[in-house]
Amino acid sequence: MGEIWNWDYAAAALPQLLEAFFRVTLVATVLGSIIAAVLGLVIAFVRRSAPAFVARPVHWVMEFIRMTPLVVQLLFVYYTFTSWDPLWIGVGVLGIHYATYMAEVYRSGIDNVPAGQWEAATALSLPRQRTWTRVIIPQALRTTIPALGTWVISMFKDTPFLFVITVPELVNAAQNVGSRTFSYVEAFTLAGLIFLAASYPTSILVRKLENRLARY
């Protein structure tokens, strides 16, 4: 065991990995998730309610983003806007990329709102904005939150791709630690355990939330 694992290297690497996790990986996930959640809702609303000459181009752009690799998008934006901070490029690209998936989740939730709710809002002469904000969106969110949580977890697991644009996230930190000590096993093992420790409890919470909402 001592030949492939050195506890001194592991103890020295852990604080650096945790710092990269909290200062970069977690920040990128949280901010990217906020962008994705808000933008995804806007996209779903546009596709559902906007005129065809607006909704159709939005759909084409969304499909293009979904069908191209995240790594390619990161590198394209990174080399196009060379003066921008790589972390903010990563946050923006993650947010926009996952907004296209969350938009489909929102769209499904909106489509599942019973037709009677739309008819009741029309019968009460509710303004269109109030119909959406007070009737449709709250009901749609109740069924979409578990799926949105799943996409947030997926985004979290995709943050290592920020490595390609020199963002010092968790995997990048593990690479740097390994290159200094010439022992990569400890660094990457600890990085994997940190990802597991953060994502597994979150996935359990999402499943419990899904089961709870299914009872209502």
C-alpha atoms as a PDB file:
ATOM      1  CA  MET A   1       0.000   0.000   0.000  1.00  0.00           C
ATOM      2  CA  GLY A   2       2.815   2.378   0.839  1.00  0.00           C
ATOM      3  CA  GLU A   3       4.155   2.060  -2.688  1.00  0.00           C
ATOM      4  CA  ILE A   4       1.007   3.465  -4.308  1.00  0.00           C
ATOM      5  CA  TRP A   5      -0.386   5.672  -1.538  1.00  0.00           C
ATOM      6  CA  ASN A   6       1.455   8.207   0.586  1.00  0.00           C
ATOM      7  CA  TRP A   7      -0.519   9.639   3.487  1.00  0.00           C
ATOM      8  CA  ASP A   8       1.828  12.614   3.789  1.00  0.00           C
ATOM      9  CA  TYR A   9       1.137  13.588   0.169  1.00  0.00           C
ATOM     10  CA  ALA A  10      -2.582  13.113   0.743  1.00  0.00           C
ATOM     11  CA  ALA A  11      -2.564  15.287   3.881  1.00  0.00           C
ATOM     12  CA  ALA A  12      -0.649  18.009   2.067  1.00  0.00           C
ATOM     13  CA  ALA A  13      -2.936  17.889  -0.979  1.00  0.00           C
ATOM     14  CA  LEU A  14      -6.290  17.931   0.812  1.00  0.00           C
ATOM     15  CA  PRO A  15      -6.322  21.628   1.895  1.00  0.00           C
ATOM     16  CA  GLN A  16      -5.389  22.763  -1.621  1.00  0.00           C
ATOM     17  CA  LEU A  17      -8.088  20.606  -3.176  1.00  0.00           C
ATOM     18  CA  LEU A  18     -10.731  21.818  -0.742  1.00  0.00           C
ATOM     19  CA  GLU A  19      -9.765  25.416  -1.456  1.00  0.00           C
ATOM     20  CA  ALA A  20     -10.151  24.829  -5.205  1.00  0.00           C
ATOM     21  CA  PHE A  21     -13.482  23.124  -4.593  1.00  0.00           C
ATOM     22  CA  PHE A  22     -15.010  25.902  -2.493  1.00  0.00           C
ATOM     23  CA  ARG A  23     -13.469  28.877  -4.324  1.00  0.00           C
ATOM     24  CA  VAL A  24     -13.935  27.694  -7.898  1.00  0.00           C
ATOM     25  CA  THR A  25     -15.859  24.449  -8.464  1.00  0.00           C
ATOM     26  CA  LEU A  26     -18.687  25.241  -6.071  1.00  0.00           C
ATOM     27  CA  VAL A  27     -18.886  28.878  -7.193  1.00  0.00           C
ATOM     28  CA  ALA A  28     -19.033  27.860 -10.867  1.00  0.00           C
ATOM     29  CA  THR A  29     -21.772  25.337 -10.114  1.00  0.00           C
ATOM     30  CA  VAL A  30     -23.924  27.709  -8.074  1.00  0.00           C
ATOM     31  CA  LEU A  31     -23.624  30.684 -10.432  1.00  0.00           C
ATOM     32  CA  GLY A  32     -23.960  28.502 -13.518  1.00  0.00           C
ATOM     33  CA  SER A  33     -27.082  26.897 -12.048  1.00  0.00           C
ATOM     34  CA  ILE A  34     -28.666  30.274 -11.387  1.00  0.00           C
ATOM     35  CA  ILE A  35     -27.991  31.375 -14.968  1.00  0.00           C
ATOM     36  CA  ALA A  36     -29.298  28.075 -16.344  1.00  0.00           C
ATOM     37  CA  ALA A  37     -32.458  28.134 -14.226  1.00  0.00           C
ATOM     38  CA  VAL A  38     -33.386  31.716 -15.099  1.00  0.00           C
ATOM     39  CA  LEU A  39     -32.387  31.582 -18.771  1.00  0.00           C
ATOM     40  CA  GLY A  40     -34.005  28.185 -19.204  1.00  0.00           C
ATOM     41  CA  LEU A  41     -37.313  29.568 -17.941  1.00  0.00           C
ATOM     42  CA  VAL A  42     -37.043  32.514 -20.337  1.00  0.00           C
ATOM     43  CA  ILE A  43     -36.340  30.165 -23.255  1.00  0.00           C
ATOM     44  CA  ALA A  44     -39.299  27.962 -22.331  1.00  0.00           C
ATOM     45  CA  PHE A  45     -41.571  31.012 -22.126  1.00  0.00           C
ATOM     46  CA  VAL A  46     -40.373  32.315 -25.507  1.00  0.00           C
ATOM     47  CA  ARG A  47     -40.867  28.963 -27.197  1.00  0.00           C
ATOM     48  CA  ARG A  48     -44.335  28.630 -25.658  1.00  0.00           C
ATOM     49  CA  SER A  49     -45.691  32.124 -26.178  1.00  0.00           C
ATOM     50  CA  ALA A  50     -43.583  34.155 -28.616  1.00  0.00           C
ATOM     51  CA  PRO A  51     -44.467  34.517 -32.319  1.00  0.00           C
ATOM     52  CA  ALA A  52     -43.026  31.893 -34.634  1.00  0.00           C
ATOM     53  CA  PHE A  53     -40.469  34.275 -36.141  1.00  0.00           C
ATOM     54  CA  VAL A  54     -38.972  34.635 -32.633  1.00  0.00           C
ATOM     55  CA  ALA A  55     -39.571  31.171 -31.203  1.00  0.00           C
ATOM     56  CA  ARG A  56     -38.152  29.311 -34.199  1.00  0.00           C
ATOM     57  CA  PRO A  57     -34.674  30.945 -34.199  1.00  0.00           C
ATOM     58  CA  VAL A  58     -34.514  30.476 -30.425  1.00  0.00           C
ATOM     59  CA  HIS A  59     -35.262  26.784 -30.945  1.00  0.00           C
ATOM     60  CA  TRP A  60     -32.524  26.501 -33.600  1.00  0.00           C
ATOM     61  CA  VAL A  61     -29.940  28.177 -31.370  1.00  0.00           C
ATOM     62  CA  MET A  62     -30.956  25.978 -28.455  1.00  0.00           C
ATOM     63  CA  GLU A  63     -30.595  22.819 -30.537  1.00  0.00           C
ATOM     64  CA  PHE A  64     -27.188  23.947 -31.817  1.00  0.00           C
ATOM     65  CA  ILE A  65     -25.945  24.465 -28.259  1.00  0.00           C
ATOM     66  CA  ARG A  66     -27.318  21.126 -27.101  1.00  0.00           C
ATOM     67  CA  MET A  67     -25.816  19.228 -30.024  1.00  0.00           C
ATOM     68  CA  THR A  68     -22.273  20.604 -29.741  1.00  0.00           C
ATOM     69  CA  PRO A  69     -19.818  19.458 -27.052  1.00  0.00           C
ATOM     70  CA  LEU A  70     -19.419  21.595 -23.955  1.00  0.00           C
ATOM     71  CA  VAL A  71     -15.629  21.476 -24.337  1.00  0.00           C
ATOM     72  CA  VAL A  72     -15.845  22.956 -27.833  1.00  0.00           C
ATOM     73  CA  GLN A  73     -18.069  25.756 -26.577  1.00  0.00           C
ATOM     74  CA  LEU A  74     -15.672  26.533 -23.735  1.00  0.00           C
ATOM     75  CA  LEU A  75     -12.659  26.678 -26.024  1.00  0.00           C
ATOM     76  CA  PHE A  76     -14.487  28.738 -28.650  1.00  0.00           C
ATOM     77  CA  VAL A  77     -15.546  31.428 -26.164  1.00  0.00           C
ATOM     78  CA  TYR A  78     -12.174  31.327 -24.392  1.00  0.00           C
ATOM     79  CA  TYR A  79     -10.202  31.979 -27.589  1.00  0.00           C
ATOM     80  CA  THR A  80     -12.747  34.463 -28.917  1.00  0.00           C
ATOM     81  CA  PHE A  81     -12.820  36.642 -25.811  1.00  0.00           C
ATOM     82  CA  THR A  82      -9.213  36.379 -24.675  1.00  0.00           C
ATOM     83  CA  SER A  83      -9.449  39.392 -22.360  1.00  0.00           C
ATOM     84  CA  TRP A  84     -12.230  37.874 -20.260  1.00  0.00           C
ATOM     85  CA  ASP A  85     -11.632  36.093 -16.980  1.00  0.00           C
ATOM     86  CA  PRO A  86     -11.634  32.316 -17.688  1.00  0.00           C
ATOM     87  CA  LEU A  87     -13.739  31.610 -14.604  1.00  0.00           C
ATOM     88  CA  TRP A  88     -16.525  33.901 -15.784  1.00  0.00           C
ATOM     89  CA  ILE A  89     -16.301  32.400 -19.252  1.00  0.00           C
ATOM     90  CA  GLY A  90     -16.751  28.986 -17.678  1.00  0.00           C
ATOM     91  CA  VAL A  91     -19.694  30.122 -15.572  1.00  0.00           C
ATOM     92  CA  GLY A  92     -21.395  31.707 -18.570  1.00  0.00           C
ATOM     93  CA  VAL A  93     -20.852  28.760 -20.905  1.00  0.00           C
ATOM     94  CA  LEU A  94     -22.017  26.260 -18.287  1.00  0.00           C
ATOM     95  CA  GLY A  95     -25.084  28.358 -17.559  1.00  0.00           C
ATOM     96  CA  ILE A  96     -26.063  28.796 -21.209  1.00  0.00           C
ATOM     97  CA  HIS A  97     -25.322  25.165 -22.091  1.00  0.00           C
ATOM     98  CA  TYR A  98     -27.466  23.782 -19.292  1.00  0.00           C
ATOM     99  CA  ALA A  99     -30.177  26.396 -19.812  1.00  0.00           C
ATOM    100  CA  THR A 100     -31.047  24.568 -23.033  1.00  0.00           C
ATOM    101  CA  TYR A 101     -31.708  21.370 -21.074  1.00  0.00           C
ATOM    102  CA  MET A 102     -33.571  23.106 -18.275  1.00  0.00           C
ATOM    103  CA  ALA A 103     -35.730  24.855 -20.860  1.00  0.00           C
ATOM    104  CA  GLU A 104     -37.002  21.452 -21.987  1.00  0.00           C
ATOM    105  CA  VAL A 105     -37.758  20.551 -18.376  1.00  0.00           C
ATOM    106  CA  TYR A 106     -39.722  23.765 -17.912  1.00  0.00           C
ATOM    107  CA  ARG A 107     -41.538  23.224 -21.206  1.00  0.00           C
ATOM    108  CA  SER A 108     -42.589  19.752 -20.111  1.00  0.00           C
ATOM    109  CA  GLY A 109     -43.816  21.106 -16.785  1.00  0.00           C
ATOM    110  CA  ILE A 110     -45.793  23.886 -18.464  1.00  0.00           C
ATOM    111  CA  ASP A 111     -47.350  21.459 -20.941  1.00  0.00           C
ATOM    112  CA  ASN A 112     -48.433  19.238 -18.027  1.00  0.00           C
ATOM    113  CA  VAL A 113     -50.410  22.007 -16.341  1.00  0.00           C
ATOM    114  CA  PRO A 114     -54.078  20.963 -16.772  1.00  0.00           C
ATOM    115  CA  ALA A 115     -55.950  22.791 -19.503  1.00  0.00           C
ATOM    116  CA  GLY A 116     -58.574  23.695 -16.938  1.00  0.00           C
ATOM    117  CA  GLN A 117     -56.111  25.993 -15.212  1.00  0.00           C
ATOM    118  CA  TRP A 118     -55.669  27.995 -18.417  1.00  0.00           C
ATOM    119  CA  GLU A 119     -59.418  28.076 -18.929  1.00  0.00           C
ATOM    120  CA  ALA A 120     -60.042  29.200 -15.351  1.00  0.00           C
ATOM    121  CA  ALA A 121     -57.522  32.035 -15.708  1.00  0.00           C
ATOM    122  CA  THR A 122     -59.234  33.109 -18.938  1.00  0.00           C
ATOM    123  CA  ALA A 123     -62.664  32.945 -17.315  1.00  0.00           C
ATOM    124  CA  LEU A 124     -61.447  35.158 -14.481  1.00  0.00           C
ATOM    125  CA  SER A 125     -59.998  37.608 -17.026  1.00  0.00           C
ATOM    126  CA  LEU A 126     -56.587  37.413 -15.409  1.00  0.00           C
ATOM    127  CA  PRO A 127     -53.896  39.415 -17.223  1.00  0.00           C
ATOM    128  CA  ARG A 128     -51.466  37.263 -19.184  1.00  0.00           C
ATOM    129  CA  GLN A 129     -48.556  38.150 -16.921  1.00  0.00           C
ATOM    130  CA  ARG A 130     -50.507  37.237 -13.799  1.00  0.00           C
ATOM    131  CA  THR A 131     -51.690  33.985 -15.375  1.00  0.00           C
ATOM    132  CA  TRP A 132     -48.088  32.962 -15.898  1.00  0.00           C
ATOM    133  CA  THR A 133     -46.655  34.169 -12.576  1.00  0.00           C
ATOM    134  CA  ARG A 134     -49.517  33.160 -10.265  1.00  0.00           C
ATOM    135  CA  VAL A 135     -51.068  30.126 -11.949  1.00  0.00           C
ATOM    136  CA  ILE A 136     -48.915  28.380 -14.539  1.00  0.00           C
ATOM    137  CA  ILE A 137     -45.307  28.731 -13.370  1.00  0.00           C
ATOM    138  CA  PRO A 138     -45.929  27.746  -9.701  1.00  0.00           C
ATOM    139  CA  GLN A 139     -47.683  24.553 -10.813  1.00  0.00           C
ATOM    140  CA  ALA A 140     -45.054  23.788 -13.431  1.00  0.00           C
ATOM    141  CA  LEU A 141     -42.204  24.261 -10.965  1.00  0.00           C
ATOM    142  CA  ARG A 142     -43.679  21.737  -8.546  1.00  0.00           C
ATOM    143  CA  THR A 143     -43.182  18.960 -11.080  1.00  0.00           C
ATOM    144  CA  THR A 144     -39.914  20.191 -12.561  1.00  0.00           C
ATOM    145  CA  ILE A 145     -37.799  20.853  -9.453  1.00  0.00           C
ATOM    146  CA  PRO A 146     -36.510  17.244  -9.169  1.00  0.00           C
ATOM    147  CA  ALA A 147     -35.437  17.194 -12.838  1.00  0.00           C
ATOM    148  CA  LEU A 148     -33.820  20.606 -12.487  1.00  0.00           C
ATOM    149  CA  GLY A 149     -31.887  19.278  -9.497  1.00  0.00           C
ATOM    150  CA  THR A 150     -30.621  16.401 -11.611  1.00  0.00           C
ATOM    151  CA  TRP A 151     -29.277  18.825 -14.216  1.00  0.00           C
ATOM    152  CA  VAL A 152     -27.554  20.845 -11.487  1.00  0.00           C
ATOM    153  CA  ILE A 153     -25.766  17.677 -10.379  1.00  0.00           C
ATOM    154  CA  SER A 154     -24.777  17.015 -13.986  1.00  0.00           C
ATOM    155  CA  MET A 155     -23.381  20.535 -14.264  1.00  0.00           C
ATOM    156  CA  PHE A 156     -21.394  19.992 -11.077  1.00  0.00           C
ATOM    157  CA  LYS A 157     -19.848  16.842 -12.542  1.00  0.00           C
ATOM    158  CA  ASP A 158     -19.019  18.716 -15.759  1.00  0.00           C
ATOM    159  CA  THR A 159     -17.047  21.472 -14.010  1.00  0.00           C
ATOM    160  CA  PRO A 160     -13.766  19.545 -14.597  1.00  0.00           C
ATOM    161  CA  PHE A 161     -14.123  20.575 -18.255  1.00  0.00           C
ATOM    162  CA  LEU A 162     -13.164  24.077 -17.100  1.00  0.00           C
ATOM    163  CA  PHE A 163      -9.667  22.591 -16.913  1.00  0.00           C
ATOM    164  CA  VAL A 164      -9.315  23.143 -20.679  1.00  0.00           C
ATOM    165  CA  ILE A 165      -9.591  26.937 -20.279  1.00  0.00           C
ATOM    166  CA  THR A 166      -7.079  27.079 -17.396  1.00  0.00           C
ATOM    167  CA  VAL A 167      -9.659  27.582 -14.659  1.00  0.00           C
ATOM    168  CA  PRO A 168      -8.078  26.334 -11.400  1.00  0.00           C
ATOM    169  CA  GLU A 169     -11.001  24.121 -10.405  1.00  0.00           C
ATOM    170  CA  LEU A 170     -10.736  20.879  -8.425  1.00  0.00           C
ATOM    171  CA  VAL A 171      -9.306  18.631 -11.147  1.00  0.00           C
ATOM    172  CA  ASN A 172      -6.873  21.333 -12.242  1.00  0.00           C
ATOM    173  CA  ALA A 173      -5.727  21.661  -8.632  1.00  0.00           C
ATOM    174  CA  ALA A 174      -5.235  17.895  -8.417  1.00  0.00           C
ATOM    175  CA  GLN A 175      -3.179  17.989 -11.607  1.00  0.00           C
ATOM    176  CA  ASN A 176      -1.001  20.776 -10.203  1.00  0.00           C
ATOM    177  CA  VAL A 177      -0.498  18.997  -6.882  1.00  0.00           C
ATOM    178  CA  GLY A 178       0.430  15.773  -8.659  1.00  0.00           C
ATOM    179  CA  SER A 179       2.912  17.542 -10.926  1.00  0.00           C
ATOM    180  CA  ARG A 180       4.705  19.014  -7.897  1.00  0.00           C
ATOM    181  CA  THR A 181       4.920  15.773  -5.941  1.00  0.00           C
ATOM    182  CA  PHE A 182       5.140  13.387  -8.922  1.00  0.00           C
ATOM    183  CA  SER A 183       2.401  11.376  -7.210  1.00  0.00           C
ATOM    184  CA  TYR A 184      -0.991  11.741  -8.866  1.00  0.00           C
ATOM    185  CA  VAL A 185      -2.832   8.881  -7.163  1.00  0.00           C
ATOM    186  CA  GLU A 186      -3.460  10.721  -3.906  1.00  0.00           C
ATOM    187  CA  ALA A 187      -4.502  13.989  -5.540  1.00  0.00           C
ATOM    188  CA  PHE A 188      -6.958  12.510  -8.041  1.00  0.00           C
ATOM    189  CA  THR A 189      -8.350  10.014  -5.530  1.00  0.00           C
ATOM    190  CA  LEU A 190      -9.098  12.816  -3.095  1.00  0.00           C
ATOM    191  CA  ALA A 191     -10.601  14.917  -5.888  1.00  0.00           C
ATOM    192  CA  GLY A 192     -12.915  12.045  -6.798  1.00  0.00           C
ATOM    193  CA  LEU A 193     -13.921  11.576  -3.166  1.00  0.00           C
ATOM    194  CA  ILE A 194     -14.706  15.276  -2.831  1.00  0.00           C
ATOM    195  CA  PHE A 195     -16.945  15.092  -5.903  1.00  0.00           C
ATOM    196  CA  LEU A 196     -18.635  12.016  -4.469  1.00  0.00           C
ATOM    197  CA  ALA A 197     -19.102  13.594  -1.046  1.00  0.00           C
ATOM    198  CA  ALA A 198     -20.781  16.618  -2.611  1.00  0.00           C
ATOM    199  CA  SER A 199     -22.888  14.984  -5.340  1.00  0.00           C
ATOM    200  CA  TYR A 200     -24.153  11.811  -3.650  1.00  0.00           C
ATOM    201  CA  PRO A 201     -26.022  13.495  -0.751  1.00  0.00           C
ATOM    202  CA  THR A 202     -27.455  15.997  -3.229  1.00  0.00           C
ATOM    203  CA  SER A 203     -28.756  13.202  -5.460  1.00  0.00           C
ATOM    204  CA  ILE A 204     -30.407  11.575  -2.436  1.00  0.00           C
ATOM    205  CA  LEU A 205     -32.110  14.858  -1.547  1.00  0.00           C
ATOM    206  CA  VAL A 206     -33.348  15.238  -5.125  1.00  0.00           C
ATOM    207  CA  ARG A 207     -34.842  11.728  -5.066  1.00  0.00           C
ATOM    208  CA  LYS A 208     -36.536  12.381  -1.727  1.00  0.00           C
ATOM    209  CA  LEU A 209     -37.914  15.663  -3.034  1.00  0.00           C
ATOM    210  CA  GLU A 210     -39.212  13.903  -6.137  1.00  0.00           C
ATOM    211  CA  ASN A 211     -40.954  11.247  -4.042  1.00  0.00           C
ATOM    212  CA  ARG A 212     -42.444  13.870  -1.755  1.00  0.00           C
ATOM    213  CA  LEU A 213     -43.777  16.002  -4.597  1.00  0.00           C
ATOM    214  CA  ALA A 214     -45.235  12.930  -6.296  1.00  0.00           C
ATOM    215  CA  ARG A 215     -47.606  12.481  -3.349  1.00  0.00           C
ATOM    216  CA  TYR A 216     -49.234  15.886  -3.933  1.00  0.00           C
END
